[in-house]
């Protein structure tokens, strides 16, 4: 069975042979080490850390002006509100029960 795009050994016998030794990529280890050291030096000498600090400070000031809260603080306040609402419902039910038990006030 012939796959599309696969060389056919009957039609092109030279394409199916193993690649020759001179076709293998030859990468000099020194070239890679030199490239790595140049990249390291460029990153070390770049203004990226200073830019990052300035950007973080700018964003922090911008978020402060928006009057945002942390997710943890929001979740705490949400739980407190849920508890208060539950307690309020309990107290309203208790008041309704007590009012229904109370004798009617005499009218004048």
C-alpha atoms as a PDB file:
ATOM      1  CA  UNK A   1       0.000   0.000   0.000  1.00  0.00           C
ATOM      2  CA  UNK A   2       1.342   3.394  -0.962  1.00  0.00           C
ATOM      3  CA  UNK A   3       0.846   6.376   1.358  1.00  0.00           C
ATOM      4  CA  UNK A   4       0.286   9.777  -0.134  1.00  0.00           C
ATOM      5  CA  UNK A   5       3.491  11.757  -0.013  1.00  0.00           C
ATOM      6  CA  UNK A   6       5.623   8.710   0.833  1.00  0.00           C
ATOM      7  CA  UNK A   7       8.392   7.850  -1.623  1.00  0.00           C
ATOM      8  CA  UNK A   8       7.707   4.819  -3.753  1.00  0.00           C
ATOM      9  CA  UNK A   9      10.782   2.546  -3.953  1.00  0.00           C
ATOM     10  CA  UNK A  10       9.713   1.196  -7.347  1.00  0.00           C
ATOM     11  CA  UNK A  11       9.611   4.626  -8.970  1.00  0.00           C
ATOM     12  CA  UNK A  12      12.322   6.468  -6.999  1.00  0.00           C
ATOM     13  CA  UNK A  13      14.748   3.994  -5.471  1.00  0.00           C
ATOM     14  CA  UNK A  14      17.208   6.744  -4.475  1.00  0.00           C
ATOM     15  CA  UNK A  15      14.644   8.499  -2.234  1.00  0.00           C
ATOM     16  CA  UNK A  16      14.068   5.478  -0.018  1.00  0.00           C
ATOM     17  CA  UNK A  17      17.703   4.913   0.959  1.00  0.00           C
ATOM     18  CA  UNK A  18      19.046   5.971   4.312  1.00  0.00           C
ATOM     19  CA  UNK A  19      20.271   9.560   4.437  1.00  0.00           C
ATOM     20  CA  UNK A  20      23.949   9.925   3.815  1.00  0.00           C
ATOM     21  CA  UNK A  21      26.329  10.925   6.609  1.00  0.00           C
ATOM     22  CA  UNK A  22      26.817  14.380   5.111  1.00  0.00           C
ATOM     23  CA  UNK A  23      23.083  15.144   5.402  1.00  0.00           C
ATOM     24  CA  UNK A  24      23.067  14.725   9.175  1.00  0.00           C
ATOM     25  CA  UNK A  25      23.081  18.029  11.000  1.00  0.00           C
ATOM     26  CA  UNK A  26      26.416  18.807  12.524  1.00  0.00           C
ATOM     27  CA  UNK A  27      26.107  21.274  15.362  1.00  0.00           C
ATOM     28  CA  UNK A  28      29.228  22.414  17.063  1.00  0.00           C
ATOM     29  CA  UNK A  29      28.830  22.299  20.838  1.00  0.00           C
ATOM     30  CA  UNK A  30      30.903  25.489  21.147  1.00  0.00           C
ATOM     31  CA  UNK A  31      28.420  27.302  18.930  1.00  0.00           C
ATOM     32  CA  UNK A  32      25.532  26.385  21.251  1.00  0.00           C
ATOM     33  CA  UNK A  33      27.529  27.325  24.362  1.00  0.00           C
ATOM     34  CA  UNK A  34      28.440  30.671  22.824  1.00  0.00           C
ATOM     35  CA  UNK A  35      24.825  31.324  21.870  1.00  0.00           C
ATOM     36  CA  UNK A  36      23.659  30.442  25.387  1.00  0.00           C
ATOM     37  CA  UNK A  37      26.229  32.736  26.998  1.00  0.00           C
ATOM     38  CA  UNK A  38      25.234  35.610  24.692  1.00  0.00           C
ATOM     39  CA  UNK A  39      21.541  35.143  25.518  1.00  0.00           C
ATOM     40  CA  UNK A  40      22.348  35.001  29.235  1.00  0.00           C
ATOM     41  CA  UNK A  41      24.373  38.203  28.985  1.00  0.00           C
ATOM     42  CA  UNK A  42      21.635  39.965  27.037  1.00  0.00           C
ATOM     43  CA  UNK A  43      19.000  38.995  29.604  1.00  0.00           C
ATOM     44  CA  UNK A  44      21.265  39.922  32.500  1.00  0.00           C
ATOM     45  CA  UNK A  45      22.032  43.362  31.042  1.00  0.00           C
ATOM     46  CA  UNK A  46      18.500  44.060  29.828  1.00  0.00           C
ATOM     47  CA  UNK A  47      16.221  46.576  31.526  1.00  0.00           C
ATOM     48  CA  UNK A  48      13.468  43.934  31.821  1.00  0.00           C
ATOM     49  CA  UNK A  49      13.550  43.665  35.654  1.00  0.00           C
ATOM     50  CA  UNK A  50      13.345  47.442  36.018  1.00  0.00           C
ATOM     51  CA  UNK A  51      10.518  47.645  33.499  1.00  0.00           C
ATOM     52  CA  UNK A  52       8.694  44.876  35.346  1.00  0.00           C
ATOM     53  CA  UNK A  53       9.050  46.712  38.703  1.00  0.00           C
ATOM     54  CA  UNK A  54       7.775  49.950  37.174  1.00  0.00           C
ATOM     55  CA  UNK A  55       4.868  48.188  35.493  1.00  0.00           C
ATOM     56  CA  UNK A  56       3.908  46.432  38.736  1.00  0.00           C
ATOM     57  CA  UNK A  57       3.987  49.738  40.642  1.00  0.00           C
ATOM     58  CA  UNK A  58       1.890  51.434  37.972  1.00  0.00           C
ATOM     59  CA  UNK A  59      -0.686  48.629  37.966  1.00  0.00           C
ATOM     60  CA  UNK A  60      -0.823  48.570  41.775  1.00  0.00           C
ATOM     61  CA  UNK A  61      -1.519  52.327  41.835  1.00  0.00           C
ATOM     62  CA  UNK A  62      -4.179  51.940  39.152  1.00  0.00           C
ATOM     63  CA  UNK A  63      -5.876  49.092  41.030  1.00  0.00           C
ATOM     64  CA  UNK A  64      -5.781  51.138  44.262  1.00  0.00           C
ATOM     65  CA  UNK A  65      -7.719  53.902  42.528  1.00  0.00           C
ATOM     66  CA  UNK A  66     -10.367  51.396  41.451  1.00  0.00           C
ATOM     67  CA  UNK A  67     -11.071  50.565  45.106  1.00  0.00           C
ATOM     68  CA  UNK A  68     -10.863  46.803  44.512  1.00  0.00           C
ATOM     69  CA  UNK A  69     -10.767  44.142  47.216  1.00  0.00           C
ATOM     70  CA  UNK A  70      -8.894  40.880  47.393  1.00  0.00           C
ATOM     71  CA  UNK A  71     -10.802  37.693  46.601  1.00  0.00           C
ATOM     72  CA  UNK A  72     -10.160  36.369  50.141  1.00  0.00           C
ATOM     73  CA  UNK A  73     -11.612  39.524  51.709  1.00  0.00           C
ATOM     74  CA  UNK A  74     -14.629  39.307  49.422  1.00  0.00           C
ATOM     75  CA  UNK A  75     -15.250  35.659  50.360  1.00  0.00           C
ATOM     76  CA  UNK A  76     -15.020  36.474  54.095  1.00  0.00           C
ATOM     77  CA  UNK A  77     -17.518  39.321  53.743  1.00  0.00           C
ATOM     78  CA  UNK A  78     -19.809  37.101  51.677  1.00  0.00           C
ATOM     79  CA  UNK A  79     -19.863  34.436  54.416  1.00  0.00           C
ATOM     80  CA  UNK A  80     -20.513  37.078  57.087  1.00  0.00           C
ATOM     81  CA  UNK A  81     -23.428  38.454  55.061  1.00  0.00           C
ATOM     82  CA  UNK A  82     -24.887  34.977  54.556  1.00  0.00           C
ATOM     83  CA  UNK A  83     -24.710  34.337  58.313  1.00  0.00           C
ATOM     84  CA  UNK A  84     -26.331  37.710  59.067  1.00  0.00           C
ATOM     85  CA  UNK A  85     -29.138  37.028  56.590  1.00  0.00           C
ATOM     86  CA  UNK A  86     -29.756  33.589  58.121  1.00  0.00           C
ATOM     87  CA  UNK A  87     -29.816  35.068  61.624  1.00  0.00           C
ATOM     88  CA  UNK A  88     -32.170  37.858  60.493  1.00  0.00           C
ATOM     89  CA  UNK A  89     -34.586  35.294  59.020  1.00  0.00           C
ATOM     90  CA  UNK A  90     -34.491  33.323  62.294  1.00  0.00           C
ATOM     91  CA  UNK A  91     -35.172  36.451  64.351  1.00  0.00           C
ATOM     92  CA  UNK A  92     -38.038  37.525  62.076  1.00  0.00           C
ATOM     93  CA  UNK A  93     -39.618  34.083  62.437  1.00  0.00           C
ATOM     94  CA  UNK A  94     -39.205  34.255  66.218  1.00  0.00           C
ATOM     95  CA  UNK A  95     -40.823  37.715  66.375  1.00  0.00           C
ATOM     96  CA  UNK A  96     -43.727  36.514  64.241  1.00  0.00           C
ATOM     97  CA  UNK A  97     -44.172  33.529  66.569  1.00  0.00           C
ATOM     98  CA  UNK A  98     -44.080  35.706  69.703  1.00  0.00           C
ATOM     99  CA  UNK A  99     -46.533  38.202  68.215  1.00  0.00           C
ATOM    100  CA  UNK A 100     -48.948  35.406  67.344  1.00  0.00           C
ATOM    101  CA  UNK A 101     -48.823  34.093  70.943  1.00  0.00           C
ATOM    102  CA  UNK A 102     -49.328  37.457  72.596  1.00  0.00           C
ATOM    103  CA  UNK A 103     -52.830  38.221  73.802  1.00  0.00           C
ATOM    104  CA  UNK A 104     -54.584  40.876  71.738  1.00  0.00           C
ATOM    105  CA  UNK A 105     -54.298  44.382  73.114  1.00  0.00           C
ATOM    106  CA  UNK A 106     -57.534  45.767  74.493  1.00  0.00           C
ATOM    107  CA  UNK A 107     -58.933  48.551  72.390  1.00  0.00           C
ATOM    108  CA  UNK A 108     -60.127  51.693  74.175  1.00  0.00           C
END
